Protein backbone atom coordinates (compact mmCIF):
# COMPACT_ATOMS: atom_id res chain seq x y z
CA MET A 1 -6.86 29.56 -7.43
CA SER A 2 -5.95 33.20 -6.92
CA GLN A 3 -2.45 34.23 -5.80
CA THR A 4 -3.89 35.33 -2.46
CA GLU A 5 -5.54 31.97 -1.88
CA ALA A 6 -2.41 30.14 -3.03
CA ALA A 7 -0.36 32.04 -0.45
CA GLU A 8 -2.91 31.19 2.25
CA ALA A 9 -2.89 27.51 1.24
CA ALA A 10 0.91 27.50 1.49
CA ARG A 11 0.71 29.07 4.96
CA LEU A 12 -1.74 26.45 6.25
CA ALA A 13 -0.10 23.46 4.55
CA LEU A 14 1.36 20.51 6.42
CA THR A 15 4.97 20.10 5.33
CA ARG A 16 8.25 18.74 6.67
CA PRO A 17 11.20 19.50 4.39
CA LEU A 18 14.41 17.55 4.89
CA ALA A 19 17.50 17.24 2.67
CA LEU A 20 18.01 13.57 1.78
CA ASP A 21 19.99 11.46 -0.67
CA LEU A 22 17.34 10.54 -3.26
CA THR A 23 19.61 9.40 -6.11
CA THR A 24 21.54 6.42 -4.71
CA THR A 25 20.27 3.18 -6.23
CA LEU A 26 19.10 0.23 -4.18
CA VAL A 27 21.39 -2.10 -6.11
CA GLY A 28 24.19 0.26 -5.06
CA HIS A 29 23.26 -0.37 -1.42
CA LEU A 30 23.26 -4.13 -2.03
CA ALA A 31 26.66 -3.99 -3.76
CA ARG A 32 28.04 -2.13 -0.74
CA HIS A 33 26.79 -4.81 1.69
CA ALA A 34 27.97 -7.65 -0.60
CA ALA A 35 31.45 -6.16 -0.83
CA ALA A 36 31.74 -5.71 2.95
CA THR A 37 30.00 -8.84 4.29
CA PRO A 38 29.07 -11.19 1.41
CA ASP A 39 28.27 -14.15 3.68
CA THR A 40 25.92 -12.29 6.02
CA VAL A 41 22.40 -13.73 5.83
CA PHE A 42 20.01 -11.04 4.61
CA ILE A 43 16.79 -12.90 3.76
CA HIS A 44 14.92 -15.58 5.72
CA HIS A 45 12.16 -17.38 3.83
CA GLY A 46 10.95 -20.46 5.65
CA PRO A 47 13.95 -22.81 5.89
CA ARG A 48 15.78 -20.97 3.10
CA THR A 49 18.26 -18.14 3.61
CA THR A 50 19.93 -15.76 1.18
CA THR A 51 23.16 -13.89 1.84
CA TYR A 52 24.08 -10.49 0.44
CA GLY A 53 26.55 -12.16 -1.88
CA ARG A 54 24.02 -14.70 -3.14
CA LEU A 55 21.41 -12.02 -3.76
CA LEU A 56 23.84 -9.89 -5.78
CA GLU A 57 24.71 -12.99 -7.80
CA GLN A 58 21.01 -13.52 -8.50
CA VAL A 59 20.66 -9.89 -9.57
CA ALA A 60 23.59 -10.34 -11.98
CA GLN A 61 22.03 -13.47 -13.49
CA VAL A 62 18.59 -11.91 -13.94
CA ARG A 63 20.14 -8.73 -15.35
CA GLY A 64 22.02 -10.78 -17.92
CA GLU A 65 18.84 -12.60 -18.98
CA LEU A 66 16.93 -9.32 -19.30
CA LEU A 67 19.66 -7.69 -21.39
CA ALA A 68 19.86 -10.76 -23.63
CA ALA A 69 16.10 -10.46 -24.17
CA GLY A 70 16.56 -6.87 -25.35
CA CYS A 71 15.53 -5.01 -22.18
CA ARG A 72 16.56 -1.35 -22.35
CA PRO A 73 16.35 1.74 -20.11
CA GLY A 74 12.78 3.01 -19.90
CA ASP A 75 11.19 -0.32 -20.91
CA VAL A 76 8.20 -1.46 -18.86
CA VAL A 77 8.71 -5.05 -17.71
CA ALA A 78 5.76 -6.91 -16.21
CA CYS A 79 6.76 -9.38 -13.50
CA ALA A 80 4.88 -12.55 -12.53
CA GLY A 81 5.86 -14.74 -9.61
CA PRO A 82 5.47 -15.33 -5.86
CA ARG A 83 6.82 -13.15 -3.06
CA SER A 84 10.41 -14.37 -2.75
CA ALA A 85 14.07 -13.43 -2.97
CA ARG A 86 13.62 -13.59 -6.75
CA THR A 87 11.17 -10.67 -6.52
CA LEU A 88 13.90 -8.54 -5.02
CA ALA A 89 16.53 -9.78 -7.48
CA LEU A 90 14.26 -8.94 -10.42
CA PHE A 91 13.41 -5.46 -9.11
CA LEU A 92 17.09 -4.65 -8.56
CA ALA A 93 18.09 -6.03 -11.97
CA LEU A 94 15.50 -3.76 -13.62
CA GLU A 95 16.74 -0.79 -11.59
CA SER A 96 20.32 -1.51 -12.67
CA ILE A 97 19.20 -1.31 -16.31
CA GLY A 98 16.93 1.71 -15.81
CA ALA A 99 13.76 -0.23 -16.69
CA VAL A 100 10.34 0.05 -15.01
CA TYR A 101 8.97 -2.66 -12.67
CA LEU A 102 5.30 -3.67 -13.11
CA PRO A 103 3.99 -6.44 -10.81
CA LEU A 104 1.17 -8.67 -12.06
CA GLY A 105 -1.34 -10.27 -9.69
CA PRO A 106 -1.16 -14.08 -9.58
CA ASP A 107 -4.93 -14.17 -8.96
CA TRP A 108 -5.84 -11.76 -11.76
CA PRO A 109 -8.13 -13.11 -14.47
CA ALA A 110 -6.39 -13.49 -17.83
CA GLN A 111 -8.54 -10.71 -19.24
CA ARG A 112 -7.29 -8.21 -16.64
CA THR A 113 -3.67 -9.29 -17.12
CA ALA A 114 -4.00 -8.84 -20.88
CA SER A 115 -5.62 -5.42 -20.37
CA VAL A 116 -2.78 -4.26 -18.11
CA LEU A 117 -0.16 -5.52 -20.56
CA ARG A 118 -1.82 -3.68 -23.43
CA ARG A 119 -2.43 -0.44 -21.51
CA SER A 120 1.12 -0.33 -20.14
CA ALA A 121 2.65 -1.25 -23.52
CA ALA A 122 4.87 -3.63 -21.55
CA ASP A 123 7.88 -4.67 -23.58
CA LEU A 124 8.33 -7.97 -21.77
CA VAL A 125 6.84 -10.28 -19.15
CA ALA A 126 9.43 -11.72 -16.75
CA ASP A 127 8.11 -15.08 -15.49
CA TYR A 128 9.54 -16.41 -12.23
CA LEU A 129 6.50 -18.50 -11.29
CA GLY A 130 8.63 -21.57 -10.61
CA GLU A 131 8.66 -25.14 -11.90
CA ASP A 132 5.41 -26.21 -10.20
CA ALA A 133 3.20 -23.51 -11.69
CA ALA A 134 2.13 -24.99 -15.03
CA ASP A 135 -1.46 -23.73 -14.82
CA ALA A 136 -0.44 -20.21 -13.80
CA ARG A 137 2.20 -20.15 -16.54
CA HIS A 138 -0.32 -21.27 -19.15
CA ALA A 139 -2.74 -18.50 -18.10
CA LEU A 140 0.09 -15.94 -18.18
CA GLU A 141 1.21 -17.01 -21.65
CA GLU A 142 -2.38 -16.87 -22.87
CA ALA A 143 -2.81 -13.31 -21.54
CA ALA A 144 0.56 -12.22 -22.92
CA GLY A 145 -0.32 -13.73 -26.29
CA ALA A 146 -3.60 -11.81 -26.37
CA ALA A 147 -1.68 -8.59 -25.62
CA GLY A 148 1.16 -9.34 -28.03
CA THR A 149 3.77 -9.23 -25.24
CA ARG A 150 6.85 -11.47 -25.17
CA VAL A 151 7.39 -13.77 -22.15
CA LEU A 152 10.84 -14.40 -20.70
CA THR A 153 10.94 -17.36 -18.32
CA LEU A 154 13.81 -16.68 -15.95
CA GLY A 155 16.33 -19.40 -15.16
CA THR A 156 16.58 -21.14 -11.81
CA ASP A 157 18.41 -19.60 -8.87
CA PRO A 158 22.20 -19.99 -8.78
CA ALA A 159 22.93 -23.07 -6.70
CA HIS A 160 26.04 -21.98 -4.84
CA ASP A 161 27.96 -18.91 -3.77
CA THR A 162 31.58 -18.79 -4.92
CA HIS A 163 34.41 -16.36 -4.36
CA GLU A 164 34.60 -15.82 -8.12
CA THR A 165 30.92 -14.89 -8.52
CA HIS A 166 31.12 -12.44 -5.62
CA GLU A 167 34.02 -10.68 -7.30
CA ALA A 168 32.34 -10.70 -10.71
CA ALA A 169 29.11 -9.32 -9.31
CA ALA A 170 30.97 -6.54 -7.51
CA GLN A 171 32.37 -5.00 -10.74
CA PRO A 172 31.55 -1.28 -11.28
CA ARG A 173 28.82 -2.10 -13.82
CA TRP A 174 26.34 -1.54 -10.99
CA ARG A 175 24.83 1.92 -11.15
CA THR A 176 25.28 3.51 -7.74
CA HIS A 177 23.28 6.64 -8.64
CA CYS A 178 20.54 7.63 -11.05
CA ALA A 179 18.44 10.69 -11.84
CA GLY A 180 15.79 11.32 -9.18
CA GLY A 181 13.10 11.71 -11.84
CA GLU A 182 13.80 8.35 -13.47
CA PRO A 183 10.61 6.22 -13.60
CA ARG A 184 11.02 3.25 -11.28
CA TYR A 185 7.78 1.29 -10.97
CA VAL A 186 4.11 1.29 -11.98
CA PHE A 187 1.17 -0.12 -10.01
CA TYR A 188 -2.23 -0.68 -11.55
CA THR A 189 -5.21 0.37 -9.45
CA SER A 190 -8.92 -0.02 -10.10
CA GLY A 191 -10.39 2.85 -12.08
CA THR A 192 -13.84 4.34 -11.48
CA THR A 193 -14.65 3.62 -15.14
CA GLY A 194 -13.79 -0.06 -14.69
CA VAL A 195 -10.50 0.34 -16.58
CA PRO A 196 -7.32 -0.15 -14.48
CA LYS A 197 -4.97 2.85 -14.20
CA GLY A 198 -1.19 2.56 -13.93
CA ALA A 199 0.34 4.94 -11.35
CA LEU A 200 3.92 5.66 -12.46
CA ILE A 201 6.35 6.47 -9.62
CA GLU A 202 9.80 8.06 -9.87
CA HIS A 203 12.97 6.93 -8.14
CA GLN A 204 13.09 10.02 -5.90
CA GLY A 205 9.52 9.48 -4.67
CA MET A 206 10.19 5.83 -3.91
CA VAL A 207 13.44 6.50 -2.03
CA ASN A 208 11.90 9.41 -0.13
CA HIS A 209 9.25 7.02 1.19
CA LEU A 210 11.91 4.51 2.20
CA TRP A 211 13.67 7.27 4.16
CA ALA A 212 10.36 8.24 5.76
CA LYS A 213 9.91 4.71 7.11
CA ILE A 214 13.50 4.63 8.38
CA ILE A 215 13.21 8.01 10.11
CA ASP A 216 9.72 7.72 11.60
CA LEU A 217 10.01 4.08 12.74
CA GLY A 218 13.63 4.43 13.86
CA LEU A 219 14.74 1.45 11.75
CA GLY A 220 18.25 0.06 12.12
CA ASP A 221 20.45 -2.97 11.55
CA THR A 222 18.96 -4.95 14.46
CA ASP A 223 15.44 -4.92 13.00
CA VAL A 224 13.75 -7.81 11.23
CA ILE A 225 11.23 -6.44 8.72
CA ALA A 226 8.36 -8.56 7.44
CA PHE A 227 7.89 -8.76 3.67
CA SER A 228 4.23 -9.74 3.81
CA ALA A 229 2.25 -7.65 1.31
CA PRO A 230 0.79 -8.89 -1.97
CA LEU A 231 3.15 -7.81 -4.73
CA THR A 232 0.43 -5.70 -6.38
CA PHE A 233 0.00 -3.69 -3.14
CA ASP A 234 2.47 -0.78 -3.06
CA ILE A 235 3.59 -1.37 0.53
CA ALA A 236 5.51 -4.37 -0.82
CA ILE A 237 8.04 -1.87 -2.21
CA TRP A 238 9.20 -0.44 1.12
CA GLN A 239 8.98 -3.80 2.87
CA MET A 240 11.47 -5.44 0.52
CA LEU A 241 13.76 -2.44 -0.09
CA VAL A 242 14.19 -0.61 3.23
CA PRO A 243 16.39 -3.39 4.71
CA LEU A 244 18.94 -2.76 1.94
CA MET A 245 19.37 0.79 3.24
CA THR A 246 19.43 -0.01 6.96
CA GLY A 247 21.20 -3.37 7.05
CA SER A 248 18.11 -4.93 8.65
CA SER A 249 17.10 -8.54 8.03
CA LEU A 250 14.17 -9.40 5.74
CA ALA A 251 11.64 -12.09 6.70
CA ILE A 252 9.45 -13.23 3.80
CA LEU A 253 5.99 -14.42 4.83
CA ASP A 254 4.02 -16.62 2.45
CA ASP A 255 0.32 -16.22 1.65
CA GLY A 256 -0.36 -19.27 3.80
CA HIS A 257 0.94 -17.35 6.82
CA MET A 258 -1.08 -14.24 6.01
CA SER A 259 -4.38 -16.14 5.60
CA PHE A 260 -4.32 -17.91 8.98
CA PRO A 261 -3.78 -15.87 12.18
CA ARG A 262 -2.21 -18.76 14.09
CA ARG A 263 0.34 -19.39 11.35
CA LEU A 264 1.04 -15.67 11.05
CA ALA A 265 1.71 -15.31 14.78
CA GLY A 266 3.87 -18.44 14.76
CA GLU A 267 6.01 -17.22 11.87
CA LEU A 268 6.42 -13.77 13.43
CA ARG A 269 7.73 -15.46 16.59
CA ALA A 270 9.97 -17.89 14.69
CA ARG A 271 11.55 -15.10 12.61
CA ARG A 272 11.64 -12.65 15.55
CA VAL A 273 10.02 -9.96 13.40
CA THR A 274 10.26 -6.46 14.86
CA VAL A 275 8.41 -4.37 12.24
CA LEU A 276 5.19 -5.26 10.44
CA GLU A 277 2.71 -3.33 8.26
CA LEU A 278 -0.81 -4.71 7.80
CA VAL A 279 -4.25 -3.69 6.64
CA PRO A 280 -6.68 -3.28 9.57
CA THR A 281 -8.52 -6.55 8.88
CA THR A 282 -5.36 -8.64 9.21
CA LEU A 283 -4.25 -6.54 12.17
CA GLY A 284 -7.50 -7.47 13.92
CA TRP A 285 -7.00 -11.16 13.19
CA LEU A 286 -3.50 -11.00 14.68
CA ALA A 287 -4.65 -9.15 17.82
CA ASP A 288 -7.45 -11.68 18.38
CA GLU A 289 -5.03 -14.60 17.95
CA VAL A 290 -2.60 -13.17 20.51
CA LEU A 291 -5.47 -12.63 22.97
CA ARG A 292 -6.80 -16.14 22.33
CA SER A 293 -3.46 -17.92 22.65
CA GLY A 294 -2.01 -15.83 25.46
CA SER A 295 1.36 -16.00 23.67
CA PRO A 296 2.84 -12.52 23.22
CA LEU A 297 4.97 -11.39 20.32
CA ASP A 298 7.84 -10.12 22.44
CA ASP A 299 10.12 -9.08 19.55
CA LEU A 300 7.51 -7.03 17.72
CA ARG A 301 8.02 -3.33 18.39
CA TRP A 302 6.11 -1.64 15.54
CA VAL A 303 2.88 -2.54 13.76
CA VAL A 304 1.72 -0.04 11.13
CA SER A 305 -1.87 -0.02 9.88
CA THR A 306 -2.51 1.15 6.32
CA GLY A 307 -4.79 0.70 3.32
CA GLU A 308 -8.09 1.29 5.14
CA GLU A 309 -9.22 3.40 8.07
CA LEU A 310 -8.02 2.25 11.49
CA HIS A 311 -10.91 2.58 13.92
CA PRO A 312 -10.47 3.20 17.68
CA ALA A 313 -12.21 -0.06 18.63
CA LEU A 314 -9.62 -2.06 16.71
CA ALA A 315 -6.79 0.01 18.19
CA ARG A 316 -8.10 -0.81 21.68
CA ARG A 317 -8.04 -4.55 20.84
CA PHE A 318 -4.50 -4.15 19.55
CA PHE A 319 -3.22 -2.54 22.75
CA ARG A 320 -4.92 -5.22 24.87
CA ALA A 321 -3.08 -7.87 22.86
CA LEU A 322 0.28 -6.08 22.40
CA PRO A 323 0.65 -3.40 25.08
CA HIS A 324 4.42 -3.22 24.60
CA CYS A 325 4.17 -2.47 20.88
CA SER A 326 3.86 0.86 19.05
CA LEU A 327 0.90 1.20 16.70
CA GLY A 328 1.22 3.38 13.61
CA ASN A 329 -1.64 4.78 11.55
CA ALA A 330 -0.52 5.52 7.99
CA TRP A 331 -2.37 7.09 5.08
CA GLY A 332 -1.42 7.86 1.51
CA PHE A 333 -1.94 7.33 -2.21
CA THR A 334 -0.40 4.74 -4.52
CA GLU A 335 -0.06 7.66 -6.96
CA CYS A 336 2.21 9.45 -4.46
CA SER A 337 4.76 6.73 -3.65
CA ASP A 338 2.64 5.08 -0.89
CA ASP A 339 2.19 6.49 2.64
CA LEU A 340 2.15 10.28 3.05
CA THR A 341 1.48 10.45 6.81
CA HIS A 342 2.67 8.49 9.83
CA HIS A 343 0.88 8.80 13.15
CA THR A 344 1.82 7.07 16.39
CA VAL A 345 -1.47 6.12 18.03
CA ARG A 346 -1.74 7.17 21.68
CA THR A 347 -3.99 5.46 24.19
CA SER A 348 -5.40 8.87 25.09
CA GLU A 349 -6.92 9.01 21.56
CA LEU A 350 -8.86 5.76 21.78
CA ASP A 351 -12.09 7.37 22.99
CA GLN A 352 -12.24 9.63 19.93
CA GLU A 353 -14.69 8.89 17.13
CA ARG A 354 -11.82 8.74 14.62
CA LEU A 355 -8.05 8.50 14.91
CA PRO A 356 -5.82 11.07 13.21
CA VAL A 357 -3.58 9.82 10.41
CA GLY A 358 -0.89 12.14 11.59
CA PRO A 359 1.78 14.57 10.49
CA PRO A 360 3.24 14.43 6.98
CA ILE A 361 6.24 12.33 6.09
CA VAL A 362 9.37 14.15 4.99
CA ASN A 363 9.29 16.20 1.78
CA VAL A 364 5.57 15.97 1.10
CA THR A 365 3.27 18.99 1.30
CA LEU A 366 -0.38 18.34 2.15
CA TYR A 367 -3.17 20.82 1.51
CA VAL A 368 -6.84 20.66 2.48
CA LEU A 369 -8.80 22.73 -0.02
CA VAL A 370 -12.47 23.56 -0.51
CA ARG A 371 -14.14 24.58 -3.75
CA ASP A 372 -16.43 27.59 -3.95
CA GLU A 373 -19.56 26.27 -5.65
CA ALA A 374 -20.43 29.71 -7.02
CA THR A 375 -17.07 30.56 -8.61
CA GLY A 376 -15.49 27.12 -9.02
CA GLN A 377 -12.31 28.48 -7.39
CA TRP A 378 -10.33 26.48 -4.81
CA LYS A 379 -9.28 27.99 -1.51
CA ALA A 380 -7.58 26.79 1.66
CA ALA A 381 -9.77 25.15 4.29
CA ARG A 382 -9.53 26.74 7.72
CA PRO A 383 -8.15 24.60 10.59
CA GLY A 384 -10.83 22.07 11.48
CA GLU A 385 -12.80 22.71 8.27
CA PRO A 386 -13.36 19.61 6.09
CA GLY A 387 -12.14 19.68 2.52
CA GLU A 388 -10.41 17.64 -0.16
CA ILE A 389 -6.81 16.54 0.39
CA PHE A 390 -4.18 17.48 -2.22
CA ALA A 391 -0.55 16.31 -2.15
CA GLY A 392 2.53 18.05 -3.52
CA GLY A 393 6.29 17.65 -3.23
CA VAL A 394 8.77 14.85 -3.89
CA PRO A 395 6.38 11.85 -3.57
CA VAL A 396 3.95 12.89 -6.32
CA GLY A 397 4.22 10.48 -9.23
CA ARG A 398 4.35 11.21 -12.94
CA GLY A 399 0.72 10.38 -13.65
CA TYR A 400 -1.13 7.40 -15.09
CA LEU A 401 0.94 5.54 -17.65
CA ALA A 402 -0.32 6.10 -21.22
CA ASP A 403 -3.58 7.61 -19.93
CA ASP A 404 -3.60 11.37 -20.44
CA GLU A 405 -7.32 11.66 -19.75
CA ALA A 406 -7.14 10.05 -16.30
CA THR A 407 -3.92 11.95 -15.53
CA GLY A 408 -5.59 15.24 -16.39
CA ARG A 409 -8.40 14.56 -13.90
CA ALA A 410 -6.08 13.86 -10.96
CA TYR A 411 -2.71 15.59 -11.51
CA PHE A 412 -2.34 19.37 -11.76
CA ARG A 413 0.39 21.96 -12.09
CA ASP A 414 1.44 23.06 -8.61
CA VAL A 415 0.35 26.70 -8.47
CA ILE A 416 0.85 26.86 -4.70
CA ASP A 417 4.54 25.99 -4.38
CA PRO A 418 6.73 27.39 -7.19
CA ARG A 419 9.74 25.52 -5.72
CA SER A 420 8.06 22.09 -5.82
CA PRO A 421 10.63 19.49 -6.98
CA THR A 422 8.01 17.81 -9.18
CA GLY A 423 5.81 20.81 -10.04
CA ARG A 424 2.79 18.55 -9.60
CA LEU A 425 -0.24 18.37 -7.29
CA TYR A 426 -2.27 15.20 -6.87
CA LYS A 427 -6.02 15.23 -6.13
CA GLY A 428 -6.98 11.81 -4.87
CA GLY A 429 -10.61 12.12 -3.81
CA ASP A 430 -10.05 11.80 -0.04
CA ALA A 431 -11.69 14.14 2.44
CA GLY A 432 -10.08 15.38 5.63
CA TYR A 433 -9.26 18.30 7.88
CA VAL A 434 -6.24 19.62 9.79
CA LYS A 435 -6.23 20.16 13.53
CA ASP A 436 -3.22 20.82 15.78
CA GLY A 437 -0.78 19.98 13.00
CA LEU A 438 -2.33 16.57 12.30
CA LEU A 439 -4.31 15.38 9.31
CA HIS A 440 -7.64 13.73 10.09
CA TYR A 441 -9.05 11.45 7.39
CA LEU A 442 -12.80 11.57 6.75
CA GLY A 443 -13.16 8.96 4.01
CA ARG A 444 -13.54 8.82 0.26
CA LEU A 445 -15.52 11.55 -1.44
CA ASP A 446 -16.73 8.96 -3.96
CA ARG A 447 -18.44 7.06 -1.11
CA GLN A 448 -20.98 9.85 -0.78
CA VAL A 449 -24.40 8.48 -1.74
CA LYS A 450 -28.02 9.60 -1.80
CA VAL A 451 -30.68 7.30 -0.32
CA ALA A 452 -34.36 8.32 -0.17
CA GLY A 453 -33.33 11.84 -1.15
CA VAL A 454 -30.83 12.20 1.70
CA ARG A 455 -27.13 12.69 0.88
CA MET A 456 -24.82 10.85 3.27
CA GLU A 457 -21.27 9.54 3.72
CA LEU A 458 -21.03 5.75 4.00
CA ASP A 459 -17.78 6.13 5.95
CA GLU A 460 -19.61 8.06 8.67
CA ILE A 461 -22.08 5.18 9.12
CA GLU A 462 -19.25 2.64 9.12
CA THR A 463 -17.46 4.56 11.86
CA VAL A 464 -20.47 4.21 14.14
CA LEU A 465 -20.98 0.55 13.18
CA LYS A 466 -17.37 -0.34 13.96
CA SER A 467 -17.49 1.50 17.29
CA HIS A 468 -19.83 -1.15 18.70
CA PRO A 469 -17.81 -3.35 21.08
CA HIS A 470 -19.22 -6.58 19.62
CA VAL A 471 -18.42 -5.83 15.96
CA ALA A 472 -15.09 -7.23 14.81
CA GLN A 473 -15.31 -5.88 11.24
CA GLY A 474 -17.93 -3.94 9.35
CA THR A 475 -18.78 -2.01 6.22
CA VAL A 476 -21.86 -0.31 4.81
CA LEU A 477 -23.02 -0.39 1.19
CA ALA A 478 -25.77 1.33 -0.75
CA VAL A 479 -27.45 -1.16 -3.12
CA GLY A 480 -30.21 -0.77 -5.67
CA ASP A 481 -31.33 2.23 -7.68
CA GLY A 482 -33.82 5.06 -7.31
CA HIS A 483 -36.63 4.42 -4.85
CA ASP A 484 -35.36 0.87 -4.28
CA ARG A 485 -31.96 2.03 -3.03
CA GLN A 486 -31.21 0.98 0.54
CA LEU A 487 -28.36 0.78 3.03
CA VAL A 488 -26.96 -2.62 3.97
CA ALA A 489 -24.72 -3.12 7.00
CA CYS A 490 -22.31 -6.06 6.62
CA TYR A 491 -20.45 -7.13 9.74
CA THR A 492 -18.59 -9.94 11.43
CA PRO A 493 -19.48 -10.41 15.10
CA ALA A 494 -16.81 -10.41 17.78
CA PRO A 495 -16.00 -13.84 19.28
CA ASP A 496 -18.53 -13.34 22.09
CA GLY A 497 -21.35 -12.71 19.60
CA CYS A 498 -23.42 -9.72 18.57
CA ASP A 499 -27.17 -9.07 18.75
CA GLU A 500 -28.56 -7.41 15.61
CA ARG A 501 -31.24 -5.50 17.52
CA ASP A 502 -28.59 -4.07 19.82
CA LEU A 503 -26.62 -2.97 16.75
CA GLN A 504 -29.67 -1.20 15.35
CA ARG A 505 -30.23 0.63 18.64
CA HIS A 506 -26.53 1.60 18.69
CA LEU A 507 -26.77 3.22 15.26
CA ARG A 508 -30.13 4.89 15.96
CA ARG A 509 -28.63 6.59 19.01
CA ALA A 510 -25.85 8.14 16.92
CA LEU A 511 -27.29 8.73 13.45
CA PRO A 512 -30.34 10.31 11.81
CA ALA A 513 -32.98 7.74 10.88
CA PRO A 514 -32.27 7.81 7.09
CA MET A 515 -28.64 6.82 7.81
CA VAL A 516 -29.54 3.66 9.76
CA PRO A 517 -29.27 0.60 7.47
CA SER A 518 -32.49 -1.22 6.67
CA ARG A 519 -30.75 -4.52 5.95
CA TRP A 520 -28.15 -6.40 7.99
CA LEU A 521 -25.82 -9.15 6.88
CA ALA A 522 -23.80 -11.07 9.49
CA LEU A 523 -20.80 -12.92 8.08
CA PRO A 524 -18.30 -15.33 9.63
CA GLU A 525 -15.55 -13.31 7.94
CA MET A 526 -15.34 -10.34 5.60
CA PRO A 527 -14.40 -11.10 1.97
CA LEU A 528 -11.06 -9.55 1.05
CA ASN A 529 -9.50 -8.60 -2.27
CA GLY A 530 -5.96 -9.43 -3.30
CA ASN A 531 -4.53 -6.56 -1.22
CA GLY A 532 -6.28 -7.67 1.97
CA LYS A 533 -8.86 -4.88 1.83
CA THR A 534 -12.62 -5.38 2.12
CA ASP A 535 -13.96 -6.63 -1.22
CA HIS A 536 -17.03 -4.45 -1.80
CA LYS A 537 -17.83 -6.11 -5.14
CA ALA A 538 -17.97 -9.54 -3.50
CA LEU A 539 -20.21 -8.15 -0.76
CA THR A 540 -22.56 -6.65 -3.34
CA ARG A 541 -22.90 -10.07 -4.99
CA MET A 542 -23.56 -11.72 -1.62
CA ILE A 543 -26.25 -9.15 -0.82
CA GLY A 544 -27.88 -9.82 -4.19
CA GLU A 545 -27.86 -13.57 -3.53
CA GLN A 546 -29.50 -13.02 -0.15
CA ARG A 547 -32.65 -11.50 -1.67
């Protein structure tokens, strides 16, 4: 990129600088609450509660076990267990040591777990699976053995709070500050080569995102925040940590709640949850359940959609079900500390083909760039012109752990902003454009396919499919090779049914003939992966079985 183009990209960038404290530790926040109000209940998990004092005691116990096992600053520690207060205690114990948190998926095959342990060079696996998880523990030990990684089975929770343990836990051994560039956690994402990649995030990027949620959602000490995400989905980080900064309460929702809309709605009411972040599929389930039952969620004031594109048809269903509630549309990269934009959806936008993903969060800089095919040089896209989205600023992570090749393909020296606090730009493969100060997401560049000689974007077809009023969920895949390649529309009908011929007419009215799927697959529900997103691999298998 030339200096002239770099200056123009800087002029057109979306940015929102704000001076924030990015070095205070989360265990420092907990120690502050525990010293002031040790007996205040912080966590609700079914019938169980955890006070600030009890949680700090748990952190002290886990920290002691980790240190005894030889855990040191900079070590990568893989963590296996269910979403619980122990998750938070383990994360904070690792932070207090200066080690790196790596969550493992409880549903991962042993081969994937072993691959992640090897690729991350994890020094230790911390097992908090619980006493009734013999099969899961056996699989974990088998994977760790294959990778040559030690397993530390953590002890049981402390049974009682005592005055003495509160005082012991409050000693100044807790680090209240750390370097902003200290590595804090690593999440493994699916790689295009089939090999998982570990996105390594710094403390400053993590805390900046926590502040972004606090600022943009107006979070405070009267909120009850749902901790509902799978632990291998990066939104779990803000859900469990933001309440430590705001003094909010934390409501832990089990997988059983998240898999059944009626149970989810019931638990949200019982815990009086005020803030919830979901993927669009689960958001749709919840909206349909509220409409079906006629029982509102009066305490809920914010629902944020993330992980996949939020379509206007789903937003309309949401506002019919929860007209009193604000709906957020968030977008971002795991490699950049999670969400990078927050948009408050307005009812006036619901007739648009696509919803904007919004303005940037604090301290990120977003660029939309286009590449000149003749020269190979990048330049700034004009307002309204589609291009590839690049991210710079505080949230950009360090790269992919122990994977220089993958890092070199996605992370670049920031030649646009010489004052960038990280000096890095991230290129994530998402397309978009800027209009009126808002980023509009256009889908993944790697979902561009060629069928019968015609190049097309699958996301564009999906947008039209999901706009049909009788489609609850939908996705489009290209299957087969060469002349046998064809488009397949997979969808779940709305409760009042959906006629396939009407769907075909709907797409033919909006799309060129080559972009109208030739095969249709109606499903009672869409298969989801461990993060609650549409499982395209499972759909591909189902399509193959249908032949």
